[in-house]
Amino acid sequence: MPGRSMEPAVWPPCDFHLADWSMSMEPTGGAWVPDEFASSTEMLGTCFQTYVPSSSSGGQLQQAQYAAATPNLPFQEEEEAQNKTGIEIHDPDPIQVFEEAAHQFAVDVGSFDMKMHRYPAIIKRLGSWYTTPQRVSIGPYYYMQDDLRPTEKMKHVAAYHCIMSSRLSVQELYSAVVSVANETRRLYDDDKMANMGDDDFLPMMFYDACFLVQYMLSYTRSDMDPVLCDYFHSNESDISHDIMLLENQIPWRVVKTLLSFIGVPLAEFLTSFKRSLRNYRVPERYLVDLDDSYTPPHFLGLVRFYFVGKSEAKRTGPTQTQSILASARAMELAEIGIRLTAKDETELTHIRLKKKGCLFAELSLAPLSLDSAHACYLVNMAALELCTYLAGWVEDEDSAVCSYLLLLGMFVDRVEDVDKLRTQRVLQGGGGLTNTDMLAFFANFHDLPEGRYYVHTMRAIQGYMDTRWKRTRSHAFLYNNWRIIAGVFSAIGALVGIVGTLMSLKKP
């Protein structure tokens, strides 16, 4: 491009420094040495962090910490402790500590939706497949773990192709990305970031953003570098698994900054990726309609938003007098005349209960092709919802995945329920998962919070039973005794046939 300096065509990503680059931003750690690896640290905490109020005076913070560690010392012991430590002890102003804690909490809540959350306990107990990357680390939580280091070389290759595609110099593209990345440290867990300096953090964000952009391009373009494209395709299952993990993310604003220099047809990518999540064919004419009003926190949040879809109608929360059904097994629903069916639409938000005739109703919802990979995607989408929606009533879509998993967990309480959903095409495929495997998977979600879609669906079933109780009882009688009834009618038919034959014999 005119007016821009061009770098040489060959960029050796593992043998250079950025110490001499002229940055438009304030320096935050000059040297960038990709081959110098920082040791990984133990990852602690959940999506709800414990905040330690920062003090305007480092000495005052030390005093508060010391006072907390040595409570209610007698005067002599306190003086002795002072002589041993060399720290002059003063009573901190209690109200200032509380004010700082309240202020920090308000700041954190203001950016809560954008935070890089940690797994809540209900998700961590599912096991490492749902929470631990297999091949690539994205972001600081799994940075430079031994088993993930080989992929770092491919990040360098991805960065090279991003620079070539952007037609910017290395300095220009790197400066543009890390100027945004530098503002995102606060979105990560404080304990983890305390052990990571800018010399590691900023190059990591640049490399990871380049890797994600090239991954997205591999879904949409055939003019990529063949070697890099082959790498993504041959490792598709592992990479897709890893970049959908809640703790393996970087802020989307960093990726978006890189996308502003590199053309990626985002709607086309999301459509293709959504097809792979569903694992069945979506009509080719279907294309994701991008919503400019939505700002995702990261890649997982972006995919979850378009995977869930938009609600067709806004609903109010239930009143205190409205009850919901406590349980609804698939076999029990079939008994009262409610048939579970798979909708043609793929959005999780499209759940409907419609009456079909005088004795029947149809509860339609998005079908699920469940294998180990899709199970992992759903679990991490649910984890994001658990971390980002607070107590109380929220938008329907904000708890759609949790509601979907909770509903299916309610429908399949026994193996025969799973078989029923397979017969009705609500559960499709299986990817090697038996009915018992699926039952065990859905049993993990009985403790999920009751999201709005779950509540609305269970209320609809309860309302159907209350308003048509005579018909549901009649259907239950027919459903449970149809073999006997069929036998009786068969016997009556045979008897009528015999009588008819005898009557015909008596005729002259």
Protein backbone atom coordinates (compact mmCIF):
# COMPACT_ATOMS: atom_id res chain seq x y z
CA MET A 1 0.00 0.00 0.00
CA PRO A 2 1.29 3.52 -0.75
CA GLY A 3 2.83 5.31 2.15
CA ARG A 4 3.50 2.13 4.18
CA SER A 5 6.83 0.43 4.73
CA MET A 6 6.98 -3.15 3.57
CA GLU A 7 8.81 -5.94 5.38
CA PRO A 8 10.80 -8.59 3.51
CA ALA A 9 8.74 -11.46 2.18
CA VAL A 10 10.42 -13.89 4.55
CA TRP A 11 9.81 -13.31 8.24
CA PRO A 12 11.66 -15.69 10.59
CA PRO A 13 9.18 -15.78 13.47
CA CYS A 14 11.42 -17.59 15.97
CA ASP A 15 14.53 -15.44 15.78
CA PHE A 16 13.84 -11.78 16.19
CA HIS A 17 13.17 -9.10 18.78
CA LEU A 18 10.84 -6.14 18.86
CA ALA A 19 13.02 -4.07 21.16
CA ASP A 20 13.93 -1.66 18.36
CA TRP A 21 10.44 -1.28 16.93
CA SER A 22 9.02 2.23 17.01
CA MET A 23 5.67 1.89 18.76
CA SER A 24 2.87 4.39 18.67
CA MET A 25 1.88 3.29 22.17
CA GLU A 26 3.72 3.58 25.46
CA PRO A 27 6.32 0.82 25.88
CA THR A 28 5.16 -1.99 28.10
CA GLY A 29 8.13 -4.33 27.89
CA GLY A 30 10.42 -4.06 24.93
CA ALA A 31 11.92 -7.45 24.24
CA TRP A 32 9.89 -10.12 22.50
CA VAL A 33 11.73 -13.42 22.42
CA PRO A 34 9.32 -16.19 21.29
CA ASP A 35 11.72 -18.96 22.27
CA GLU A 36 11.96 -17.87 25.88
CA PHE A 37 9.11 -19.67 27.56
CA ALA A 38 7.53 -18.64 30.82
CA SER A 39 6.73 -21.47 33.19
CA SER A 40 3.07 -22.24 33.65
CA THR A 41 1.48 -21.66 37.03
CA GLU A 42 -1.29 -23.38 38.85
CA MET A 43 -4.70 -22.14 37.70
CA LEU A 44 -7.14 -21.42 40.49
CA GLY A 45 -10.52 -19.78 40.97
CA THR A 46 -13.94 -19.86 39.39
CA CYS A 47 -15.89 -17.46 37.22
CA PHE A 48 -16.63 -15.34 40.31
CA GLN A 49 -13.32 -13.85 41.45
CA THR A 50 -12.36 -12.66 44.90
CA TYR A 51 -11.20 -9.08 44.64
CA VAL A 52 -8.53 -7.58 46.88
CA PRO A 53 -8.99 -3.81 47.04
CA SER A 54 -6.01 -1.92 45.74
CA SER A 55 -4.69 0.93 47.84
CA SER A 56 -3.32 4.23 46.66
CA SER A 57 -0.44 3.62 49.04
CA GLY A 58 1.57 0.45 48.87
CA GLY A 59 2.56 0.85 52.51
CA GLN A 60 -1.07 1.11 53.59
CA LEU A 61 -1.89 -2.12 51.76
CA GLN A 62 1.01 -3.86 53.49
CA GLN A 63 -0.24 -2.60 56.82
CA ALA A 64 -3.74 -3.91 56.14
CA GLN A 65 -2.37 -7.29 55.09
CA TYR A 66 -0.13 -7.46 58.15
CA ALA A 67 -2.99 -6.48 60.44
CA ALA A 68 -5.16 -9.20 58.91
CA ALA A 69 -2.42 -11.75 59.47
CA THR A 70 -1.83 -10.79 63.12
CA PRO A 71 -5.22 -9.97 64.67
CA ASN A 72 -5.77 -8.92 68.32
CA LEU A 73 -2.10 -8.92 69.36
CA PRO A 74 -1.40 -7.43 72.78
CA PHE A 75 0.62 -4.24 72.73
CA GLN A 76 3.84 -5.98 73.69
CA GLU A 77 3.46 -8.67 71.01
CA GLU A 78 2.58 -6.06 68.41
CA GLU A 79 5.68 -4.04 69.27
CA GLU A 80 7.81 -7.18 69.12
CA ALA A 81 6.38 -8.08 65.72
CA GLN A 82 7.13 -4.54 64.54
CA ASN A 83 10.75 -4.83 65.64
CA LYS A 84 11.16 -8.17 63.85
CA THR A 85 9.62 -7.07 60.55
CA GLY A 86 10.73 -3.47 60.44
CA ILE A 87 7.19 -2.46 59.37
CA GLU A 88 5.59 0.38 61.26
CA ILE A 89 2.04 -0.68 62.07
CA HIS A 90 -0.84 1.77 61.93
CA ASP A 91 -4.52 0.98 62.04
CA PRO A 92 -5.92 1.33 58.49
CA ASP A 93 -9.05 3.36 57.97
CA PRO A 94 -11.75 0.63 57.83
CA ILE A 95 -14.19 2.65 55.76
CA GLN A 96 -11.53 3.30 53.11
CA VAL A 97 -10.92 -0.43 52.71
CA PHE A 98 -14.63 -1.08 52.26
CA GLU A 99 -15.03 1.86 49.88
CA GLU A 100 -12.21 0.56 47.71
CA ALA A 101 -13.70 -2.93 47.72
CA ALA A 102 -17.12 -1.55 46.71
CA HIS A 103 -15.58 0.58 43.97
CA GLN A 104 -13.57 -2.34 42.58
CA PHE A 105 -16.67 -4.53 42.59
CA ALA A 106 -18.65 -1.88 40.67
CA VAL A 107 -15.86 -1.62 38.08
CA ASP A 108 -15.72 -5.39 37.66
CA VAL A 109 -19.49 -5.76 37.34
CA GLY A 110 -19.46 -3.10 34.64
CA SER A 111 -17.21 -5.29 32.51
CA PHE A 112 -18.54 -8.64 33.75
CA ASP A 113 -19.89 -9.79 30.38
CA MET A 114 -16.51 -9.21 28.76
CA LYS A 115 -14.35 -11.02 31.33
CA MET A 116 -12.29 -14.11 30.56
CA HIS A 117 -14.04 -16.31 33.11
CA ARG A 118 -12.90 -19.47 34.87
CA TYR A 119 -14.94 -22.66 35.03
CA PRO A 120 -17.65 -22.90 37.70
CA ALA A 121 -17.53 -25.99 39.90
CA ILE A 122 -20.47 -27.72 38.19
CA ILE A 123 -18.49 -27.74 34.92
CA LYS A 124 -15.05 -28.59 36.33
CA ARG A 125 -16.38 -31.78 37.86
CA LEU A 126 -17.29 -33.13 34.39
CA GLY A 127 -13.63 -33.86 33.68
CA SER A 128 -10.66 -32.66 31.66
CA TRP A 129 -12.17 -33.35 28.21
CA TYR A 130 -14.60 -30.49 28.75
CA THR A 131 -12.09 -28.04 30.25
CA THR A 132 -8.52 -28.72 29.07
CA PRO A 133 -7.03 -27.98 25.63
CA GLN A 134 -5.55 -30.90 23.70
CA ARG A 135 -3.35 -29.11 21.15
CA VAL A 136 -3.36 -25.32 21.30
CA SER A 137 -3.50 -22.71 24.06
CA ILE A 138 -5.34 -19.47 23.43
CA GLY A 139 -4.79 -16.82 26.07
CA PRO A 140 -2.80 -16.94 29.32
CA TYR A 141 -4.55 -19.67 31.33
CA TYR A 142 -2.76 -22.55 29.54
CA TYR A 143 0.09 -20.53 28.10
CA MET A 144 3.23 -22.54 27.28
CA GLN A 145 2.17 -25.76 28.92
CA ASP A 146 4.59 -28.48 27.87
CA ASP A 147 2.13 -30.57 25.85
CA LEU A 148 0.88 -27.50 23.96
CA ARG A 149 4.22 -25.94 23.00
CA PRO A 150 4.58 -27.62 19.57
CA THR A 151 1.65 -25.58 18.22
CA GLU A 152 3.46 -22.31 19.00
CA LYS A 153 5.43 -22.74 15.77
CA MET A 154 2.20 -22.83 13.77
CA LYS A 155 1.14 -19.59 15.47
CA HIS A 156 4.29 -18.00 14.05
CA VAL A 157 3.38 -19.27 10.59
CA ALA A 158 -0.15 -17.88 11.02
CA ALA A 159 1.30 -14.52 12.07
CA TYR A 160 3.50 -14.43 8.98
CA HIS A 161 0.51 -14.97 6.67
CA CYS A 162 -1.56 -12.39 8.52
CA ILE A 163 1.19 -9.81 7.98
CA MET A 164 1.44 -10.69 4.30
CA SER A 165 -2.35 -10.47 3.88
CA SER A 166 -2.60 -7.15 5.72
CA ARG A 167 0.02 -5.47 3.48
CA LEU A 168 1.35 -3.75 6.61
CA SER A 169 4.79 -3.87 8.10
CA VAL A 170 5.40 -6.12 11.07
CA GLN A 171 5.69 -3.05 13.30
CA GLU A 172 2.42 -1.53 12.09
CA LEU A 173 0.30 -4.65 12.47
CA TYR A 174 1.84 -5.66 15.79
CA SER A 175 1.39 -2.14 17.20
CA ALA A 176 -2.25 -2.00 16.13
CA VAL A 177 -3.08 -5.33 17.78
CA VAL A 178 -1.16 -4.98 21.04
CA SER A 179 -2.35 -1.41 21.61
CA VAL A 180 -5.78 -2.98 22.10
CA ALA A 181 -4.48 -6.08 23.85
CA ASN A 182 -2.69 -3.96 26.44
CA GLU A 183 -6.07 -2.75 27.70
CA THR A 184 -7.43 -6.27 28.23
CA ARG A 185 -5.19 -7.57 31.03
CA ARG A 186 -7.83 -6.60 33.60
CA LEU A 187 -10.31 -9.00 32.00
CA TYR A 188 -8.28 -12.03 33.12
CA ASP A 189 -7.91 -13.68 36.49
CA ASP A 190 -5.74 -11.52 38.75
CA ASP A 191 -3.81 -14.47 40.20
CA LYS A 192 -2.79 -15.68 36.75
CA MET A 193 -1.85 -12.29 35.39
CA ALA A 194 0.31 -11.50 38.44
CA ASN A 195 2.88 -13.96 37.10
CA MET A 196 2.83 -12.81 33.46
CA GLY A 197 4.65 -9.71 32.30
CA ASP A 198 3.97 -7.72 29.16
CA ASP A 199 6.97 -9.30 27.44
CA ASP A 200 4.97 -12.54 27.42
CA PHE A 201 1.41 -11.23 27.40
CA LEU A 202 1.49 -8.90 24.39
CA PRO A 203 3.27 -11.23 21.89
CA MET A 204 1.01 -14.06 23.08
CA MET A 205 -2.10 -12.00 22.27
CA PHE A 206 -0.75 -11.12 18.82
CA TYR A 207 0.16 -14.72 17.95
CA ASP A 208 -3.12 -16.14 19.27
CA ALA A 209 -5.19 -13.60 17.35
CA CYS A 210 -3.32 -14.46 14.15
CA PHE A 211 -3.91 -18.17 14.75
CA LEU A 212 -7.68 -17.66 15.19
CA VAL A 213 -7.94 -15.47 12.09
CA GLN A 214 -6.15 -18.01 9.93
CA TYR A 215 -8.33 -20.77 11.37
CA MET A 216 -11.44 -18.85 10.33
CA LEU A 217 -10.02 -18.30 6.87
CA SER A 218 -9.48 -22.05 6.51
CA TYR A 219 -13.28 -22.45 6.61
CA THR A 220 -13.98 -19.89 3.92
CA ARG A 221 -11.09 -19.53 1.44
CA SER A 222 -9.25 -21.83 -0.91
CA ASP A 223 -6.36 -19.43 -1.60
CA MET A 224 -4.67 -19.93 1.77
CA ASP A 225 -1.15 -21.22 2.04
CA PRO A 226 -1.52 -24.96 1.31
CA VAL A 227 0.72 -26.07 4.19
CA LEU A 228 -1.15 -23.99 6.78
CA CYS A 229 -4.53 -24.99 5.35
CA ASP A 230 -3.57 -28.68 5.48
CA TYR A 231 -2.49 -28.24 9.08
CA PHE A 232 -5.87 -26.82 10.12
CA HIS A 233 -7.82 -29.46 8.22
CA SER A 234 -5.77 -32.40 9.48
CA ASN A 235 -6.08 -31.20 13.08
CA GLU A 236 -9.63 -29.88 12.78
CA SER A 237 -11.17 -31.89 15.63
CA ASP A 238 -8.49 -30.97 18.19
CA ILE A 239 -8.33 -27.29 17.27
CA SER A 240 -12.12 -26.88 17.18
CA HIS A 241 -12.32 -28.55 20.59
CA ASP A 242 -9.67 -26.25 22.06
CA ILE A 243 -10.84 -22.88 20.76
CA MET A 244 -14.33 -23.55 22.15
CA LEU A 245 -13.11 -23.94 25.75
CA LEU A 246 -14.19 -21.21 28.18
CA GLU A 247 -10.73 -20.78 29.70
CA ASN A 248 -8.95 -20.87 26.33
CA GLN A 249 -9.98 -17.47 24.97
CA ILE A 250 -8.69 -14.00 24.16
CA PRO A 251 -10.91 -10.89 24.03
CA TRP A 252 -12.76 -10.58 20.73
CA ARG A 253 -11.81 -6.92 20.43
CA VAL A 254 -8.21 -8.05 19.89
CA VAL A 255 -9.26 -10.45 17.12
CA LYS A 256 -11.58 -7.82 15.65
CA THR A 257 -8.69 -5.37 15.41
CA LEU A 258 -6.74 -7.89 13.36
CA LEU A 259 -9.81 -8.61 11.22
CA SER A 260 -9.99 -4.93 10.29
CA PHE A 261 -6.78 -5.45 8.29
CA ILE A 262 -7.52 -8.93 6.96
CA GLY A 263 -10.70 -9.71 5.05
CA VAL A 264 -12.55 -12.65 6.60
CA PRO A 265 -16.16 -13.28 5.46
CA LEU A 266 -17.46 -13.67 9.01
CA ALA A 267 -21.03 -14.60 8.06
CA GLU A 268 -19.75 -17.36 5.80
CA PHE A 269 -17.43 -18.68 8.51
CA LEU A 270 -20.17 -18.69 11.15
CA THR A 271 -22.53 -20.50 8.80
CA SER A 272 -19.95 -23.19 8.05
CA PHE A 273 -18.92 -23.54 11.67
CA LYS A 274 -22.53 -23.77 12.78
CA ARG A 275 -23.10 -26.58 10.30
CA SER A 276 -20.16 -28.45 11.82
CA LEU A 277 -21.59 -27.96 15.32
CA ARG A 278 -24.93 -29.36 14.22
CA ASN A 279 -23.33 -32.19 12.24
CA TYR A 280 -26.14 -32.35 9.72
CA ARG A 281 -26.82 -30.52 6.50
CA VAL A 282 -28.26 -27.03 6.63
CA PRO A 283 -29.70 -25.69 3.36
CA GLU A 284 -27.02 -23.96 1.33
CA ARG A 285 -29.17 -20.85 0.96
CA TYR A 286 -29.04 -20.38 4.71
CA LEU A 287 -26.52 -17.74 5.78
CA VAL A 288 -26.01 -16.30 9.26
CA ASP A 289 -27.37 -12.78 9.52
CA LEU A 290 -24.76 -10.77 11.42
CA ASP A 291 -26.06 -8.64 14.28
CA ASP A 292 -23.99 -5.47 14.59
CA SER A 293 -25.57 -4.67 17.97
CA TYR A 294 -23.91 -7.67 19.62
CA THR A 295 -20.37 -7.41 20.99
CA PRO A 296 -19.02 -10.87 21.87
CA PRO A 297 -16.53 -11.28 24.72
CA HIS A 298 -14.47 -13.83 22.74
CA PHE A 299 -14.67 -16.55 20.09
CA LEU A 300 -16.78 -18.89 22.23
CA GLY A 301 -19.24 -16.08 22.95
CA LEU A 302 -19.49 -15.24 19.23
CA VAL A 303 -20.25 -18.85 18.25
CA ARG A 304 -22.72 -19.34 21.12
CA PHE A 305 -24.69 -16.22 20.12
CA TYR A 306 -25.32 -17.43 16.56
CA PHE A 307 -25.70 -21.06 17.60
CA VAL A 308 -28.52 -20.16 20.02
CA GLY A 309 -30.37 -17.82 17.67
CA LYS A 310 -32.86 -15.10 18.42
CA SER A 311 -36.02 -15.58 20.43
CA GLU A 312 -39.21 -15.38 18.36
CA ALA A 313 -41.09 -13.69 21.19
CA LYS A 314 -40.27 -11.95 24.44
CA ARG A 315 -41.87 -13.39 27.53
CA THR A 316 -42.34 -12.27 31.08
CA GLY A 317 -41.29 -14.25 34.10
CA PRO A 318 -43.75 -16.44 35.99
CA THR A 319 -45.84 -15.01 38.80
CA GLN A 320 -45.74 -16.53 42.26
CA THR A 321 -49.05 -18.29 41.66
CA GLN A 322 -47.90 -20.04 38.51
CA SER A 323 -46.42 -23.47 39.09
CA ILE A 324 -44.25 -25.53 36.79
CA LEU A 325 -44.09 -29.24 36.28
CA ALA A 326 -41.57 -30.99 38.53
CA SER A 327 -40.65 -33.74 36.04
CA ALA A 328 -41.44 -34.71 32.48
CA ARG A 329 -39.88 -37.91 31.20
CA ALA A 330 -40.20 -38.58 27.49
CA MET A 331 -42.26 -41.70 28.18
CA GLU A 332 -44.53 -39.79 30.56
CA LEU A 333 -45.12 -37.07 27.96
CA ALA A 334 -45.97 -39.70 25.37
CA GLU A 335 -48.44 -41.20 27.85
CA ILE A 336 -50.44 -37.96 28.13
CA GLY A 337 -50.35 -37.31 24.39
CA ILE A 338 -47.38 -34.92 24.04
CA ARG A 339 -45.05 -36.01 21.27
CA LEU A 340 -41.47 -34.68 21.16
CA THR A 341 -40.43 -33.81 17.60
CA ALA A 342 -37.37 -32.30 15.94
CA LYS A 343 -37.87 -28.95 14.22
CA ASP A 344 -36.40 -28.12 10.85
CA GLU A 345 -34.90 -24.95 12.34
CA THR A 346 -31.59 -25.28 14.13
CA GLU A 347 -31.90 -22.50 16.75
CA LEU A 348 -32.17 -23.64 20.36
CA THR A 349 -34.60 -20.84 21.11
CA HIS A 350 -37.35 -22.27 18.91
CA ILE A 351 -39.23 -24.47 21.38
CA ARG A 352 -42.98 -24.73 20.87
CA LEU A 353 -45.91 -26.71 22.30
CA LYS A 354 -48.83 -26.97 19.86
CA LYS A 355 -52.11 -28.86 20.11
CA LYS A 356 -52.67 -31.52 17.46
CA GLY A 357 -56.26 -32.74 17.45
CA CYS A 358 -58.38 -33.49 20.49
CA LEU A 359 -56.04 -35.91 22.26
CA PHE A 360 -52.56 -34.93 21.11
CA ALA A 361 -49.97 -32.13 21.32
CA GLU A 362 -46.53 -31.65 19.79
CA LEU A 363 -43.50 -30.28 21.63
CA SER A 364 -40.94 -29.32 19.00
CA LEU A 365 -37.32 -28.36 19.66
CA ALA A 366 -33.98 -28.25 17.88
CA PRO A 367 -32.51 -31.71 17.25
CA LEU A 368 -29.15 -32.66 18.70
CA SER A 369 -26.51 -34.83 17.08
CA LEU A 370 -24.56 -35.79 20.17
CA ASP A 371 -20.99 -37.05 20.13
CA SER A 372 -18.05 -36.27 22.38
CA ALA A 373 -17.11 -33.13 20.44
CA HIS A 374 -20.61 -31.66 20.38
CA ALA A 375 -21.03 -32.50 24.05
CA CYS A 376 -17.92 -30.43 24.78
CA TYR A 377 -19.24 -27.48 22.76
CA LEU A 378 -22.55 -27.50 24.61
CA VAL A 379 -20.89 -27.78 28.01
CA ASN A 380 -18.67 -24.75 27.34
CA MET A 381 -21.56 -22.68 26.02
CA ALA A 382 -23.46 -23.54 29.19
CA ALA A 383 -20.39 -22.63 31.27
CA LEU A 384 -20.29 -19.20 29.62
CA GLU A 385 -23.97 -18.68 30.41
CA LEU A 386 -23.44 -19.69 34.03
CA CYS A 387 -20.64 -17.15 34.36
CA THR A 388 -22.33 -14.23 32.62
CA TYR A 389 -25.96 -14.18 33.62
CA LEU A 390 -26.62 -13.14 37.17
CA ALA A 391 -29.51 -13.99 39.47
CA GLY A 392 -32.94 -12.82 38.35
CA TRP A 393 -34.71 -12.72 35.02
CA VAL A 394 -32.61 -12.01 31.96
CA GLU A 395 -33.08 -12.13 28.22
CA ASP A 396 -34.40 -15.45 26.91
CA GLU A 397 -31.28 -16.16 24.89
CA ASP A 398 -28.90 -15.63 27.81
CA SER A 399 -29.75 -19.01 29.34
CA ALA A 400 -30.83 -20.92 26.22
CA VAL A 401 -28.12 -23.61 26.31
CA CYS A 402 -28.60 -24.25 30.04
CA SER A 403 -32.35 -24.51 29.47
CA TYR A 404 -31.86 -26.89 26.55
CA LEU A 405 -29.56 -29.20 28.51
CA LEU A 406 -31.80 -29.08 31.56
CA LEU A 407 -34.86 -29.94 29.46
CA LEU A 408 -33.18 -32.89 27.79
CA GLY A 409 -31.90 -34.00 31.18
CA MET A 410 -35.49 -33.88 32.42
CA PHE A 411 -36.81 -35.80 29.40
CA VAL A 412 -34.26 -38.64 29.68
CA ASP A 413 -34.39 -40.12 33.15
CA ARG A 414 -34.11 -43.72 31.96
CA VAL A 415 -32.56 -45.57 29.04
CA GLU A 416 -35.95 -46.08 27.40
CA ASP A 417 -36.41 -42.29 27.40
CA VAL A 418 -33.20 -41.89 25.38
CA ASP A 419 -34.43 -44.53 22.96
CA LYS A 420 -37.73 -42.66 22.66
CA LEU A 421 -35.93 -39.44 21.71
CA ARG A 422 -33.83 -41.30 19.18
CA THR A 423 -36.99 -42.72 17.62
CA GLN A 424 -38.50 -39.25 17.43
CA ARG A 425 -35.26 -37.83 15.90
CA VAL A 426 -34.70 -35.34 18.71
CA LEU A 427 -31.43 -37.15 19.44
CA GLN A 428 -29.64 -38.03 16.23
CA GLY A 429 -26.50 -39.90 15.33
CA GLY A 430 -24.51 -40.69 18.42
CA GLY A 431 -20.85 -40.71 17.41
CA GLY A 432 -20.23 -43.91 19.33
CA LEU A 433 -22.27 -42.86 22.36
CA THR A 434 -24.71 -45.52 23.55
CA ASN A 435 -28.07 -44.80 25.14
CA THR A 436 -26.44 -45.37 28.52
CA ASP A 437 -23.65 -42.88 27.67
CA MET A 438 -26.19 -40.24 26.69
CA LEU A 439 -28.19 -40.86 29.85
CA ALA A 440 -25.05 -40.40 31.96
CA PHE A 441 -24.17 -37.19 30.09
CA PHE A 442 -27.54 -35.51 30.61
CA ALA A 443 -27.65 -36.61 34.26
CA ASN A 444 -24.85 -34.10 34.93
CA PHE A 445 -27.15 -31.15 34.30
CA HIS A 446 -29.97 -31.71 36.76
CA ASP A 447 -28.43 -29.04 39.01
CA LEU A 448 -28.29 -26.31 36.37
CA PRO A 449 -30.26 -23.16 37.18
CA GLU A 450 -33.71 -23.01 35.66
CA GLY A 451 -33.33 -20.69 32.69
CA ARG A 452 -36.24 -18.90 31.10
CA TYR A 453 -36.76 -21.36 28.25
CA TYR A 454 -36.83 -24.24 30.68
CA VAL A 455 -39.39 -22.49 32.90
CA HIS A 456 -41.59 -21.46 29.97
CA THR A 457 -41.57 -24.96 28.48
CA MET A 458 -42.38 -26.68 31.77
CA ARG A 459 -45.13 -24.16 32.43
CA ALA A 460 -46.58 -24.84 28.98
CA ILE A 461 -46.66 -28.58 29.68
CA GLN A 462 -48.25 -27.97 33.08
CA GLY A 463 -50.85 -25.69 31.52
CA TYR A 464 -51.67 -28.27 28.85
CA MET A 465 -52.20 -30.90 31.54
CA ASP A 466 -54.34 -28.57 33.67
CA THR A 467 -56.65 -27.40 30.87
CA ARG A 468 -57.03 -30.77 29.15
CA TRP A 469 -56.84 -33.09 32.13
CA LYS A 470 -59.81 -35.22 31.01
CA ARG A 471 -58.32 -35.74 27.56
CA THR A 472 -54.84 -36.45 28.94
CA ARG A 473 -56.31 -39.10 31.23
CA SER A 474 -58.23 -40.61 28.34
CA HIS A 475 -55.08 -40.67 26.23
CA ALA A 476 -53.09 -42.17 29.12
CA PHE A 477 -55.67 -44.96 29.45
CA LEU A 478 -55.50 -45.68 25.73
CA TYR A 479 -51.68 -45.40 25.68
CA ASN A 480 -51.16 -47.79 28.59
CA ASN A 481 -53.80 -50.32 27.53
CA TRP A 482 -53.64 -50.20 23.77
CA ARG A 483 -52.48 -53.80 23.49
CA ILE A 484 -55.43 -55.03 25.55
CA ILE A 485 -57.81 -52.76 23.67
CA ALA A 486 -56.39 -53.92 20.33
CA GLY A 487 -56.77 -57.54 21.47
CA VAL A 488 -60.38 -56.95 22.50
CA PHE A 489 -61.24 -55.33 19.19
CA SER A 490 -59.44 -58.10 17.36
CA ALA A 491 -61.45 -60.68 19.32
CA ILE A 492 -64.68 -58.79 18.65
CA GLY A 493 -63.80 -58.63 14.95
CA ALA A 494 -63.11 -62.35 14.90
CA LEU A 495 -66.37 -63.04 16.76
CA VAL A 496 -68.34 -60.88 14.34
CA GLY A 497 -66.74 -62.76 11.47
CA ILE A 498 -67.69 -66.12 12.99
CA VAL A 499 -71.26 -65.00 13.64
CA GLY A 500 -71.52 -63.70 10.10
CA THR A 501 -70.29 -66.99 8.75
CA LEU A 502 -72.82 -68.95 10.83
CA MET A 503 -75.64 -66.71 9.74
CA SER A 504 -74.72 -67.21 6.11
CA LEU A 505 -74.79 -71.00 6.59
CA LYS A 506 -78.35 -70.89 7.94
CA LYS A 507 -79.64 -69.17 4.84
CA PRO A 508 -81.42 -71.54 2.35
